[in-house]
């Protein structure tokens, strides 16, 4: 367990004192001591929503890291209650993000404009080795600007067609075309690099 969570000997300080010391002095140890009091609560909420002990443990640490930047800008009356809400929202956002990724992949698989020879080619950003990843990045850099932007937004950022259209000010059929042509150009580039 990180040293910030090791409790000091001596009298125990209340939540308000620890919170104030962190806000006034940026004393990360005070925030760590405060968080330690409620780690069991955070873990319990994460376990309830994520249904995995390992994931819950990981998110306990991720939530603490978020608090370092979130706490200074928040009005916090009761730290325990506030932390419960933050934890619950964090887990719900994680679950939503996963669901969105699954829906996005399902849409790609069911969209005939995305079908190429086989499913392994459906996502040009799935590579097996680090050299493949480097080659793919080099090929993406060689794409025409519009294709590059659409490919990056679609695959790296997880944007859907509509969001890409709004972001780039393009019609949907143009976005689909840039992505389809971009994928074809990436495949050709990767084949050329291997050959």
C-alpha atoms as a PDB file:
ATOM      1  CA  UNK A   1       0.000   0.000   0.000  1.00  0.00           C
ATOM      2  CA  UNK A   2       1.407   3.455  -0.887  1.00  0.00           C
ATOM      3  CA  UNK A   3       3.002   5.366   1.975  1.00  0.00           C
ATOM      4  CA  UNK A   4       0.407   8.152   1.694  1.00  0.00           C
ATOM      5  CA  UNK A   5      -2.106   5.726   3.194  1.00  0.00           C
ATOM      6  CA  UNK A   6      -0.043   4.871   6.276  1.00  0.00           C
ATOM      7  CA  UNK A   7      -1.694   6.410   9.301  1.00  0.00           C
ATOM      8  CA  UNK A   8       0.347   8.701  11.541  1.00  0.00           C
ATOM      9  CA  UNK A   9       0.671   7.836  15.201  1.00  0.00           C
ATOM     10  CA  UNK A  10      -0.981  10.204  17.645  1.00  0.00           C
ATOM     11  CA  UNK A  11      -4.386  11.807  17.725  1.00  0.00           C
ATOM     12  CA  UNK A  12      -6.661  11.233  14.785  1.00  0.00           C
ATOM     13  CA  UNK A  13      -7.687  14.364  12.928  1.00  0.00           C
ATOM     14  CA  UNK A  14     -11.221  14.909  11.708  1.00  0.00           C
ATOM     15  CA  UNK A  15     -12.219  15.083   8.045  1.00  0.00           C
ATOM     16  CA  UNK A  16     -12.488  18.873   7.959  1.00  0.00           C
ATOM     17  CA  UNK A  17      -8.971  19.360   9.363  1.00  0.00           C
ATOM     18  CA  UNK A  18      -7.419  16.934   6.885  1.00  0.00           C
ATOM     19  CA  UNK A  19      -9.353  18.445   3.988  1.00  0.00           C
ATOM     20  CA  UNK A  20      -8.347  21.969   5.008  1.00  0.00           C
ATOM     21  CA  UNK A  21      -4.657  21.015   5.295  1.00  0.00           C
ATOM     22  CA  UNK A  22      -4.736  19.488   1.816  1.00  0.00           C
ATOM     23  CA  UNK A  23      -6.477  22.517   0.324  1.00  0.00           C
ATOM     24  CA  UNK A  24      -4.296  25.088   2.092  1.00  0.00           C
ATOM     25  CA  UNK A  25      -0.897  23.422   1.720  1.00  0.00           C
ATOM     26  CA  UNK A  26      -1.344  20.801  -0.986  1.00  0.00           C
ATOM     27  CA  UNK A  27      -0.420  18.217   1.673  1.00  0.00           C
ATOM     28  CA  UNK A  28      -1.039  14.952  -0.192  1.00  0.00           C
ATOM     29  CA  UNK A  29      -0.477  12.920   2.980  1.00  0.00           C
ATOM     30  CA  UNK A  30      -3.464  14.624   4.616  1.00  0.00           C
ATOM     31  CA  UNK A  31      -5.640  13.720   1.631  1.00  0.00           C
ATOM     32  CA  UNK A  32      -4.253  10.166   1.808  1.00  0.00           C
ATOM     33  CA  UNK A  33      -5.164   9.895   5.502  1.00  0.00           C
ATOM     34  CA  UNK A  34      -8.641  11.229   4.801  1.00  0.00           C
ATOM     35  CA  UNK A  35      -9.123   8.822   1.903  1.00  0.00           C
ATOM     36  CA  UNK A  36      -7.851   5.894   3.965  1.00  0.00           C
ATOM     37  CA  UNK A  37     -10.763   6.359   6.374  1.00  0.00           C
ATOM     38  CA  UNK A  38     -13.201   5.664   3.549  1.00  0.00           C
ATOM     39  CA  UNK A  39     -11.286   3.237   1.309  1.00  0.00           C
ATOM     40  CA  UNK A  40     -13.562   0.415   2.448  1.00  0.00           C
ATOM     41  CA  UNK A  41     -16.571   2.449   1.280  1.00  0.00           C
ATOM     42  CA  UNK A  42     -14.936   3.201  -2.093  1.00  0.00           C
ATOM     43  CA  UNK A  43     -13.955  -0.450  -2.543  1.00  0.00           C
ATOM     44  CA  UNK A  44     -17.469  -1.619  -1.652  1.00  0.00           C
ATOM     45  CA  UNK A  45     -19.133   0.716  -4.139  1.00  0.00           C
ATOM     46  CA  UNK A  46     -16.649  -0.249  -6.885  1.00  0.00           C
ATOM     47  CA  UNK A  47     -17.197  -3.948  -6.181  1.00  0.00           C
ATOM     48  CA  UNK A  48     -20.973  -3.505  -6.298  1.00  0.00           C
ATOM     49  CA  UNK A  49     -20.907  -1.861  -9.732  1.00  0.00           C
ATOM     50  CA  UNK A  50     -17.896  -3.522 -11.387  1.00  0.00           C
ATOM     51  CA  UNK A  51     -18.431  -7.007  -9.908  1.00  0.00           C
ATOM     52  CA  UNK A  52     -14.701  -7.780  -9.935  1.00  0.00           C
ATOM     53  CA  UNK A  53     -12.383  -7.653  -6.931  1.00  0.00           C
ATOM     54  CA  UNK A  54      -9.313  -6.856  -9.049  1.00  0.00           C
ATOM     55  CA  UNK A  55     -11.050  -4.071 -10.972  1.00  0.00           C
ATOM     56  CA  UNK A  56     -12.456  -2.668  -7.738  1.00  0.00           C
ATOM     57  CA  UNK A  57      -8.946  -2.543  -6.224  1.00  0.00           C
ATOM     58  CA  UNK A  58      -7.601  -0.779  -9.328  1.00  0.00           C
ATOM     59  CA  UNK A  59     -10.375   1.783  -9.268  1.00  0.00           C
ATOM     60  CA  UNK A  60      -9.786   2.535  -5.567  1.00  0.00           C
ATOM     61  CA  UNK A  61      -6.346   3.839  -6.606  1.00  0.00           C
ATOM     62  CA  UNK A  62      -7.646   5.571  -9.743  1.00  0.00           C
ATOM     63  CA  UNK A  63     -10.274   7.423  -7.729  1.00  0.00           C
ATOM     64  CA  UNK A  64      -7.670   8.641  -5.254  1.00  0.00           C
ATOM     65  CA  UNK A  65      -5.588   9.989  -8.145  1.00  0.00           C
ATOM     66  CA  UNK A  66      -8.657  11.851  -9.443  1.00  0.00           C
ATOM     67  CA  UNK A  67      -9.288  13.381  -6.019  1.00  0.00           C
ATOM     68  CA  UNK A  68      -5.928  15.159  -6.021  1.00  0.00           C
ATOM     69  CA  UNK A  69      -7.150  17.450  -8.805  1.00  0.00           C
ATOM     70  CA  UNK A  70     -10.905  17.303  -8.071  1.00  0.00           C
ATOM     71  CA  UNK A  71     -10.984  18.229  -4.375  1.00  0.00           C
ATOM     72  CA  UNK A  72      -9.563  21.785  -4.602  1.00  0.00           C
ATOM     73  CA  UNK A  73     -12.355  22.995  -6.904  1.00  0.00           C
ATOM     74  CA  UNK A  74     -15.262  21.381  -5.041  1.00  0.00           C
ATOM     75  CA  UNK A  75     -17.560  22.570  -2.279  1.00  0.00           C
ATOM     76  CA  UNK A  76     -17.529  19.609   0.091  1.00  0.00           C
ATOM     77  CA  UNK A  77     -19.855  19.682   3.090  1.00  0.00           C
ATOM     78  CA  UNK A  78     -19.558  16.036   4.112  1.00  0.00           C
ATOM     79  CA  UNK A  79     -16.525  14.300   2.655  1.00  0.00           C
ATOM     80  CA  UNK A  80     -17.912  10.782   3.113  1.00  0.00           C
ATOM     81  CA  UNK A  81     -21.150  11.564   1.246  1.00  0.00           C
ATOM     82  CA  UNK A  82     -19.323  13.507  -1.464  1.00  0.00           C
ATOM     83  CA  UNK A  83     -16.823  10.652  -1.942  1.00  0.00           C
ATOM     84  CA  UNK A  84     -19.647   8.116  -2.211  1.00  0.00           C
ATOM     85  CA  UNK A  85     -21.252  10.121  -5.042  1.00  0.00           C
ATOM     86  CA  UNK A  86     -17.894  10.617  -6.810  1.00  0.00           C
ATOM     87  CA  UNK A  87     -17.175   6.872  -6.579  1.00  0.00           C
ATOM     88  CA  UNK A  88     -20.620   5.871  -7.829  1.00  0.00           C
ATOM     89  CA  UNK A  89     -20.393   8.291 -10.773  1.00  0.00           C
ATOM     90  CA  UNK A  90     -16.875   7.078 -11.599  1.00  0.00           C
ATOM     91  CA  UNK A  91     -18.082   3.464 -11.786  1.00  0.00           C
ATOM     92  CA  UNK A  92     -21.165   4.360 -13.836  1.00  0.00           C
ATOM     93  CA  UNK A  93     -19.001   6.296 -16.321  1.00  0.00           C
ATOM     94  CA  UNK A  94     -16.681   3.298 -16.629  1.00  0.00           C
ATOM     95  CA  UNK A  95     -19.614   0.981 -17.313  1.00  0.00           C
ATOM     96  CA  UNK A  96     -21.117   3.432 -19.815  1.00  0.00           C
ATOM     97  CA  UNK A  97     -17.793   3.700 -21.611  1.00  0.00           C
ATOM     98  CA  UNK A  98     -17.547  -0.095 -21.918  1.00  0.00           C
ATOM     99  CA  UNK A  99     -21.102  -0.341 -23.185  1.00  0.00           C
ATOM    100  CA  UNK A 100     -20.407   2.400 -25.716  1.00  0.00           C
ATOM    101  CA  UNK A 101     -17.310   0.537 -26.972  1.00  0.00           C
ATOM    102  CA  UNK A 102     -19.317  -2.692 -27.330  1.00  0.00           C
ATOM    103  CA  UNK A 103     -22.137  -0.896 -29.195  1.00  0.00           C
ATOM    104  CA  UNK A 104     -19.594   0.858 -31.429  1.00  0.00           C
ATOM    105  CA  UNK A 105     -17.947  -2.457 -32.340  1.00  0.00           C
ATOM    106  CA  UNK A 106     -21.344  -4.098 -32.950  1.00  0.00           C
ATOM    107  CA  UNK A 107     -22.336  -1.232 -35.273  1.00  0.00           C
ATOM    108  CA  UNK A 108     -19.085  -1.651 -37.206  1.00  0.00           C
ATOM    109  CA  UNK A 109     -19.633  -5.383 -37.600  1.00  0.00           C
ATOM    110  CA  UNK A 110     -23.207  -4.873 -38.833  1.00  0.00           C
ATOM    111  CA  UNK A 111     -22.410  -1.973 -41.170  1.00  0.00           C
ATOM    112  CA  UNK A 112     -21.757  -3.320 -44.702  1.00  0.00           C
ATOM    113  CA  UNK A 113     -19.718  -0.224 -45.578  1.00  0.00           C
ATOM    114  CA  UNK A 114     -17.160  -1.360 -43.014  1.00  0.00           C
ATOM    115  CA  UNK A 115     -16.928  -4.976 -44.078  1.00  0.00           C
ATOM    116  CA  UNK A 116     -13.684  -5.917 -45.736  1.00  0.00           C
ATOM    117  CA  UNK A 117     -12.303  -9.428 -46.370  1.00  0.00           C
ATOM    118  CA  UNK A 118     -12.432 -10.636 -42.778  1.00  0.00           C
ATOM    119  CA  UNK A 119     -13.238  -9.382 -39.297  1.00  0.00           C
ATOM    120  CA  UNK A 120      -9.573  -9.109 -38.279  1.00  0.00           C
ATOM    121  CA  UNK A 121      -9.300  -6.280 -40.804  1.00  0.00           C
ATOM    122  CA  UNK A 122     -12.362  -4.483 -39.452  1.00  0.00           C
ATOM    123  CA  UNK A 123     -10.313  -2.426 -37.039  1.00  0.00           C
ATOM    124  CA  UNK A 124      -7.074  -1.297 -38.674  1.00  0.00           C
ATOM    125  CA  UNK A 125      -5.708  -0.220 -35.316  1.00  0.00           C
ATOM    126  CA  UNK A 126      -5.624  -3.741 -33.864  1.00  0.00           C
ATOM    127  CA  UNK A 127      -2.029  -4.860 -34.135  1.00  0.00           C
ATOM    128  CA  UNK A 128      -0.250  -7.829 -32.619  1.00  0.00           C
ATOM    129  CA  UNK A 129       3.231  -6.462 -32.041  1.00  0.00           C
ATOM    130  CA  UNK A 130       4.949  -3.192 -31.233  1.00  0.00           C
ATOM    131  CA  UNK A 131       6.632  -2.985 -34.678  1.00  0.00           C
ATOM    132  CA  UNK A 132       3.168  -3.389 -36.273  1.00  0.00           C
ATOM    133  CA  UNK A 133       1.857  -0.568 -34.092  1.00  0.00           C
ATOM    134  CA  UNK A 134       4.763   1.674 -35.132  1.00  0.00           C
ATOM    135  CA  UNK A 135       4.185   0.833 -38.824  1.00  0.00           C
ATOM    136  CA  UNK A 136       0.471   1.552 -38.450  1.00  0.00           C
ATOM    137  CA  UNK A 137       1.197   4.940 -36.859  1.00  0.00           C
ATOM    138  CA  UNK A 138       3.579   5.768 -39.734  1.00  0.00           C
ATOM    139  CA  UNK A 139       0.907   4.775 -42.268  1.00  0.00           C
ATOM    140  CA  UNK A 140      -1.722   6.914 -40.501  1.00  0.00           C
ATOM    141  CA  UNK A 141       0.643   9.895 -40.758  1.00  0.00           C
ATOM    142  CA  UNK A 142       0.813   9.345 -44.556  1.00  0.00           C
ATOM    143  CA  UNK A 143      -2.985   9.552 -45.022  1.00  0.00           C
ATOM    144  CA  UNK A 144      -4.636  12.596 -46.536  1.00  0.00           C
ATOM    145  CA  UNK A 145      -5.637  15.050 -43.817  1.00  0.00           C
ATOM    146  CA  UNK A 146      -9.403  14.332 -43.912  1.00  0.00           C
ATOM    147  CA  UNK A 147      -8.883  10.555 -43.859  1.00  0.00           C
ATOM    148  CA  UNK A 148      -6.382  10.862 -41.007  1.00  0.00           C
ATOM    149  CA  UNK A 149      -8.749  12.998 -38.910  1.00  0.00           C
ATOM    150  CA  UNK A 150     -11.727  10.685 -39.487  1.00  0.00           C
ATOM    151  CA  UNK A 151      -9.714   7.513 -38.773  1.00  0.00           C
ATOM    152  CA  UNK A 152      -8.258   8.965 -35.561  1.00  0.00           C
ATOM    153  CA  UNK A 153     -11.610  10.267 -34.295  1.00  0.00           C
ATOM    154  CA  UNK A 154     -13.391   7.009 -35.133  1.00  0.00           C
ATOM    155  CA  UNK A 155     -10.830   4.485 -33.891  1.00  0.00           C
ATOM    156  CA  UNK A 156      -8.712   6.319 -31.322  1.00  0.00           C
ATOM    157  CA  UNK A 157     -11.327   8.637 -29.850  1.00  0.00           C
ATOM    158  CA  UNK A 158     -14.354   6.333 -30.246  1.00  0.00           C
ATOM    159  CA  UNK A 159     -16.510   8.972 -31.993  1.00  0.00           C
ATOM    160  CA  UNK A 160     -19.548   7.839 -33.966  1.00  0.00           C
ATOM    161  CA  UNK A 161     -20.357   9.158 -37.444  1.00  0.00           C
ATOM    162  CA  UNK A 162     -22.646  11.916 -36.193  1.00  0.00           C
ATOM    163  CA  UNK A 163     -20.086  13.272 -33.722  1.00  0.00           C
ATOM    164  CA  UNK A 164     -17.389  13.248 -36.404  1.00  0.00           C
ATOM    165  CA  UNK A 165     -19.743  15.087 -38.777  1.00  0.00           C
ATOM    166  CA  UNK A 166     -20.444  17.724 -36.134  1.00  0.00           C
ATOM    167  CA  UNK A 167     -16.787  18.044 -35.167  1.00  0.00           C
ATOM    168  CA  UNK A 168     -15.445  18.340 -38.726  1.00  0.00           C
ATOM    169  CA  UNK A 169     -18.475  19.975 -40.363  1.00  0.00           C
ATOM    170  CA  UNK A 170     -18.904  17.209 -42.951  1.00  0.00           C
ATOM    171  CA  UNK A 171     -21.803  15.178 -44.322  1.00  0.00           C
ATOM    172  CA  UNK A 172     -22.123  11.628 -43.010  1.00  0.00           C
ATOM    173  CA  UNK A 173     -21.523   9.974 -46.381  1.00  0.00           C
ATOM    174  CA  UNK A 174     -18.255  11.930 -46.707  1.00  0.00           C
ATOM    175  CA  UNK A 175     -17.130  10.808 -43.239  1.00  0.00           C
ATOM    176  CA  UNK A 176     -17.969   7.164 -44.070  1.00  0.00           C
ATOM    177  CA  UNK A 177     -16.091   7.483 -47.337  1.00  0.00           C
ATOM    178  CA  UNK A 178     -12.998   8.971 -45.654  1.00  0.00           C
ATOM    179  CA  UNK A 179     -12.990   6.192 -43.075  1.00  0.00           C
ATOM    180  CA  UNK A 180     -13.511   3.443 -45.659  1.00  0.00           C
ATOM    181  CA  UNK A 181     -10.855   4.854 -48.012  1.00  0.00           C
ATOM    182  CA  UNK A 182      -8.550   5.541 -45.084  1.00  0.00           C
ATOM    183  CA  UNK A 183      -8.823   1.910 -43.959  1.00  0.00           C
ATOM    184  CA  UNK A 184      -8.102   0.702 -47.490  1.00  0.00           C
ATOM    185  CA  UNK A 185      -5.076   3.000 -47.726  1.00  0.00           C
ATOM    186  CA  UNK A 186      -3.834   1.826 -44.336  1.00  0.00           C
ATOM    187  CA  UNK A 187      -4.145  -1.803 -45.386  1.00  0.00           C
ATOM    188  CA  UNK A 188      -2.251  -1.108 -48.631  1.00  0.00           C
ATOM    189  CA  UNK A 189       0.416   0.836 -46.770  1.00  0.00           C
ATOM    190  CA  UNK A 190       0.858  -1.944 -44.180  1.00  0.00           C
ATOM    191  CA  UNK A 191       1.077  -4.600 -46.909  1.00  0.00           C
ATOM    192  CA  UNK A 192       3.667  -2.511 -48.771  1.00  0.00           C
ATOM    193  CA  UNK A 193       5.704  -2.040 -45.570  1.00  0.00           C
ATOM    194  CA  UNK A 194       5.691  -5.826 -44.952  1.00  0.00           C
ATOM    195  CA  UNK A 195       6.445  -6.688 -48.576  1.00  0.00           C
END
